[in-house]
Every structure is written in structure tokens, then in C-alpha cells.
N, C-alpha and C. Protein backbone atom coordinates (compact mmCIF):
# COMPACT_ATOMS: atom_id res chain seq x y z
N UNK A 1 62.56 151.70 119.24
CA UNK A 1 61.87 150.44 119.76
C UNK A 1 60.47 150.97 120.25
N UNK A 2 59.57 150.29 120.20
CA UNK A 2 58.24 150.47 120.73
C UNK A 2 57.12 149.80 119.88
N UNK A 3 56.07 150.68 119.93
CA UNK A 3 54.91 150.38 119.06
C UNK A 3 54.70 151.08 117.80
N UNK A 4 54.09 150.26 116.84
CA UNK A 4 53.76 150.80 115.65
C UNK A 4 52.89 150.24 114.85
N UNK A 5 52.26 150.97 113.74
CA UNK A 5 51.44 150.12 112.83
C UNK A 5 52.05 150.00 111.47
N UNK A 6 51.93 148.81 110.86
CA UNK A 6 52.74 148.69 109.63
C UNK A 6 51.87 149.08 108.52
N UNK A 7 52.85 149.53 107.40
CA UNK A 7 51.85 150.00 106.41
C UNK A 7 51.89 148.94 105.22
N UNK A 8 50.92 148.86 104.39
CA UNK A 8 50.73 147.71 103.53
C UNK A 8 50.11 148.29 102.20
N UNK A 9 50.46 147.72 101.19
CA UNK A 9 49.95 148.25 99.80
C UNK A 9 48.61 147.56 99.55
N UNK A 10 47.78 148.47 99.17
CA UNK A 10 46.43 147.87 98.79
C UNK A 10 46.33 147.43 97.15
N UNK A 11 45.27 146.82 96.87
CA UNK A 11 45.15 146.41 95.50
C UNK A 11 45.43 147.49 94.50
N UNK A 12 44.94 148.70 94.83
CA UNK A 12 45.15 149.81 94.01
C UNK A 12 46.35 150.49 94.00
N UNK A 13 47.30 149.94 94.78
CA UNK A 13 48.87 150.26 94.84
C UNK A 13 49.10 151.44 95.99
N UNK A 14 48.09 151.80 96.47
CA UNK A 14 48.28 152.96 97.54
C UNK A 14 48.56 152.36 99.00
N UNK A 15 49.54 152.98 99.64
CA UNK A 15 49.68 152.57 101.08
C UNK A 15 48.69 152.86 101.96
N UNK A 16 48.50 151.80 102.67
CA UNK A 16 47.36 151.97 103.84
C UNK A 16 47.98 151.32 105.06
N UNK A 17 47.69 152.04 106.24
CA UNK A 17 48.00 151.68 107.53
C UNK A 17 47.43 150.58 108.21
N UNK A 18 48.11 149.62 108.53
CA UNK A 18 47.36 148.52 109.15
C UNK A 18 46.53 148.84 110.47
N UNK A 19 45.53 148.15 110.89
CA UNK A 19 44.82 148.37 112.20
C UNK A 19 45.59 147.62 113.50
N UNK A 20 46.35 146.55 112.97
CA UNK A 20 47.07 145.79 114.36
C UNK A 20 48.20 146.61 114.73
N UNK A 21 48.52 146.65 116.13
CA UNK A 21 49.85 147.24 116.40
C UNK A 21 50.77 146.18 116.59
N UNK A 22 51.96 146.55 116.28
CA UNK A 22 53.37 145.85 116.32
C UNK A 22 54.27 146.29 117.31
N UNK A 23 55.08 145.48 117.90
CA UNK A 23 56.05 145.85 118.84
C UNK A 23 57.38 145.48 118.41
N UNK A 24 58.27 146.33 118.91
CA UNK A 24 59.65 145.97 118.42
C UNK A 24 60.41 146.29 119.66
N UNK A 25 61.33 145.25 120.28
CA UNK A 25 62.35 145.33 121.34
C UNK A 25 63.54 144.71 120.97
N UNK A 26 64.61 144.83 121.96
CA UNK A 26 65.96 144.21 121.72
C UNK A 26 65.99 143.09 122.71
N UNK A 27 66.55 142.05 122.36
CA UNK A 27 66.74 140.96 123.36
C UNK A 27 68.29 140.39 122.84
N UNK A 28 68.99 140.23 123.77
CA UNK A 28 70.40 139.57 123.46
C UNK A 28 71.02 140.28 122.24
N UNK A 29 71.07 141.52 122.34
CA UNK A 29 71.60 142.47 121.40
C UNK A 29 70.97 142.41 120.02
N UNK A 30 69.91 141.88 119.87
CA UNK A 30 69.19 141.70 118.56
C UNK A 30 67.86 142.35 118.58
N UNK A 31 67.56 142.96 117.42
CA UNK A 31 66.07 143.50 117.24
C UNK A 31 64.83 142.50 116.93
N UNK A 32 64.02 142.44 117.69
CA UNK A 32 62.82 141.64 117.35
C UNK A 32 61.59 142.30 117.11
N UNK A 33 60.71 142.00 116.29
CA UNK A 33 59.56 142.60 115.93
C UNK A 33 58.40 141.65 115.79
N UNK A 34 57.49 141.86 116.39
CA UNK A 34 56.31 140.88 116.46
C UNK A 34 54.92 141.56 116.72
N UNK A 35 53.80 141.15 116.27
CA UNK A 35 52.52 141.49 116.35
C UNK A 35 52.05 141.36 117.61
N UNK A 36 51.15 142.45 118.19
CA UNK A 36 50.66 142.27 119.40
C UNK A 36 49.18 141.71 119.22
N UNK A 37 48.70 141.50 117.92
CA UNK A 37 47.36 140.86 117.60
C UNK A 37 46.29 141.63 118.23
N UNK A 38 46.43 142.83 118.48
CA UNK A 38 45.45 143.74 118.96
C UNK A 38 45.46 145.01 118.24
N UNK A 39 44.20 145.60 118.11
CA UNK A 39 43.99 146.85 117.40
C UNK A 39 43.90 148.03 118.60
N UNK A 40 43.88 147.58 119.90
CA UNK A 40 43.97 148.64 120.75
C UNK A 40 45.09 148.99 121.25
N UNK A 41 45.49 150.32 121.21
CA UNK A 41 46.67 150.73 121.49
C UNK A 41 47.15 150.55 122.89
N UNK A 42 46.16 150.79 123.97
CA UNK A 42 46.42 150.60 125.40
C UNK A 42 46.80 149.06 125.69
N UNK A 43 46.22 148.34 125.08
CA UNK A 43 46.46 146.89 125.31
C UNK A 43 47.69 146.44 124.65
N UNK A 44 47.84 147.03 123.57
CA UNK A 44 49.43 146.89 122.91
C UNK A 44 50.50 147.33 123.62
N UNK A 45 50.34 148.52 124.49
CA UNK A 45 51.31 149.01 125.18
C UNK A 45 51.51 148.08 126.43
N UNK A 46 50.34 147.59 126.90
CA UNK A 46 50.63 146.37 128.12
C UNK A 46 51.28 145.44 127.81
N UNK A 47 50.82 144.74 126.48
CA UNK A 47 51.73 143.70 125.92
C UNK A 47 53.20 143.73 126.00
N UNK A 48 53.56 145.08 125.22
CA UNK A 48 55.03 145.39 125.11
C UNK A 48 55.64 145.60 126.52
N UNK A 49 55.02 146.21 127.60
CA UNK A 49 55.51 146.39 128.85
C UNK A 49 55.70 145.02 129.46
N UNK A 50 54.74 144.27 129.20
CA UNK A 50 55.07 142.77 129.97
C UNK A 50 56.33 142.15 129.08
N UNK A 51 56.39 141.98 127.98
CA UNK A 51 57.49 141.51 127.13
C UNK A 51 58.68 142.16 127.58
N UNK A 52 58.95 143.46 127.84
CA UNK A 52 60.11 144.07 128.25
C UNK A 52 60.51 143.85 129.58
N UNK A 53 59.48 143.47 130.53
CA UNK A 53 59.65 142.99 131.89
C UNK A 53 60.28 141.52 131.88
N UNK A 54 59.62 140.62 131.02
CA UNK A 54 60.11 139.44 130.90
C UNK A 54 61.54 139.34 130.49
N UNK A 55 61.92 139.98 129.54
CA UNK A 55 63.40 140.23 129.09
C UNK A 55 64.37 140.62 130.21
N UNK A 56 63.78 141.65 131.06
CA UNK A 56 64.75 142.24 132.22
C UNK A 56 64.86 141.13 133.12
N UNK A 57 63.67 140.32 133.52
CA UNK A 57 63.71 139.19 134.45
C UNK A 57 64.45 137.95 134.23
N UNK A 58 64.61 137.92 132.75
CA UNK A 58 65.39 136.81 132.29
C UNK A 58 64.39 135.54 131.81
N UNK A 59 63.16 135.93 131.96
CA UNK A 59 62.11 134.72 131.83
C UNK A 59 61.74 134.46 130.25
N UNK A 60 62.20 135.43 129.46
CA UNK A 60 61.85 135.44 128.02
C UNK A 60 62.87 135.01 127.22
N UNK A 61 62.86 134.13 126.25
CA UNK A 61 64.12 133.73 125.34
C UNK A 61 63.50 133.33 124.01
N UNK A 62 63.98 133.57 123.09
CA UNK A 62 63.47 133.09 121.84
C UNK A 62 63.78 131.62 121.59
N UNK A 63 63.17 130.70 120.84
CA UNK A 63 63.61 129.39 120.63
C UNK A 63 64.85 129.45 119.63
N UNK A 64 65.61 128.54 119.79
CA UNK A 64 66.83 128.50 118.89
C UNK A 64 66.46 127.81 117.65
N UNK A 65 67.18 128.38 116.58
CA UNK A 65 66.75 127.95 115.28
C UNK A 65 67.60 126.56 114.98
N UNK A 66 67.01 125.67 114.43
CA UNK A 66 67.54 124.44 113.98
C UNK A 66 67.67 124.20 112.41
N UNK A 67 68.02 125.27 111.90
CA UNK A 67 68.31 125.37 110.31
C UNK A 67 69.41 124.26 110.14
N UNK A 68 68.95 123.60 108.81
CA UNK A 68 69.80 122.47 108.13
C UNK A 68 71.12 123.00 107.84
N UNK A 69 72.12 122.29 108.02
CA UNK A 69 73.55 122.67 107.55
C UNK A 69 73.71 122.35 106.07
N UNK A 70 74.39 123.15 105.25
CA UNK A 70 74.56 123.04 104.06
C UNK A 70 75.22 121.81 103.59
N UNK A 71 76.06 121.05 104.43
CA UNK A 71 76.58 120.04 103.97
C UNK A 71 75.63 118.95 104.09
N UNK A 72 74.82 118.76 105.08
CA UNK A 72 73.60 117.87 104.94
C UNK A 72 72.67 117.80 103.79
N UNK A 73 72.22 119.12 103.46
CA UNK A 73 71.47 119.35 102.33
C UNK A 73 72.05 118.80 100.87
N UNK A 74 73.34 119.24 100.68
CA UNK A 74 73.92 118.98 99.61
C UNK A 74 74.38 117.46 99.33
N UNK A 75 74.59 116.80 100.50
CA UNK A 75 74.69 115.54 100.47
C UNK A 75 73.39 114.68 100.14
N UNK A 76 72.41 115.15 100.27
CA UNK A 76 71.19 114.46 100.01
C UNK A 76 71.05 114.40 98.45
N UNK A 77 71.41 115.44 97.56
CA UNK A 77 71.13 115.51 96.17
C UNK A 77 72.33 114.93 95.35
N UNK A 78 71.98 114.30 94.44
CA UNK A 78 73.26 113.93 93.49
C UNK A 78 73.48 115.24 92.66
N UNK A 79 74.94 115.15 92.40
CA UNK A 79 75.30 116.39 91.75
C UNK A 79 75.06 116.20 90.18
N UNK A 80 74.12 117.08 89.74
CA UNK A 80 73.62 116.85 88.22
C UNK A 80 74.44 117.73 87.35
N UNK A 81 75.03 118.67 87.87
CA UNK A 81 75.89 119.55 86.89
C UNK A 81 77.19 119.14 86.80
N UNK A 82 77.67 118.17 87.33
CA UNK A 82 79.20 117.90 87.29
C UNK A 82 79.45 117.33 85.74
N UNK A 83 80.57 117.72 85.19
CA UNK A 83 80.87 117.44 83.96
C UNK A 83 81.58 115.97 83.92
């Protein structure tokens, strides 16, 4: 867990390192990665430390997902492939 720069493939197929710093941390037993949206490593370190302190203090929580249930989605569409 920490800071890293992502690699991306260029048009020529070669791997290139991104200029943006990304942070990785654990919250509620799950690993989360997000962009710091900065190219400055010192600022990215401060952003990561702030996020880690929010997690320890209990101020940070990711929004809960409201993914649709399969039963609701299947109920909307007529069954085309039934014989």
C-alpha cells in the first residue's frame, strides 16, 4: 500500500509511466486505489497521509453501492429465447 505511478501503453505499444501519482490503502478489510490527481510526489504523500488519518479516525467511508438486483433486471425484459 502506498504511492505509485501507473503504467500505460502508448500508441506505439510501448509501456510508459504516468505522471500522475496514485494511492492505495486498505479500508474495512478491502484494498482501494485512487488517483491523487497530482504530479508532485510530496503533495501526493500528504494526500495519502490525510486519507489514512481519516480512516483511522473513522471519518472516511466509501459510499455504498446501489447495484440493481438481477431479479429486477430480468423482470423488465420479456423472455425472448423461451421455446
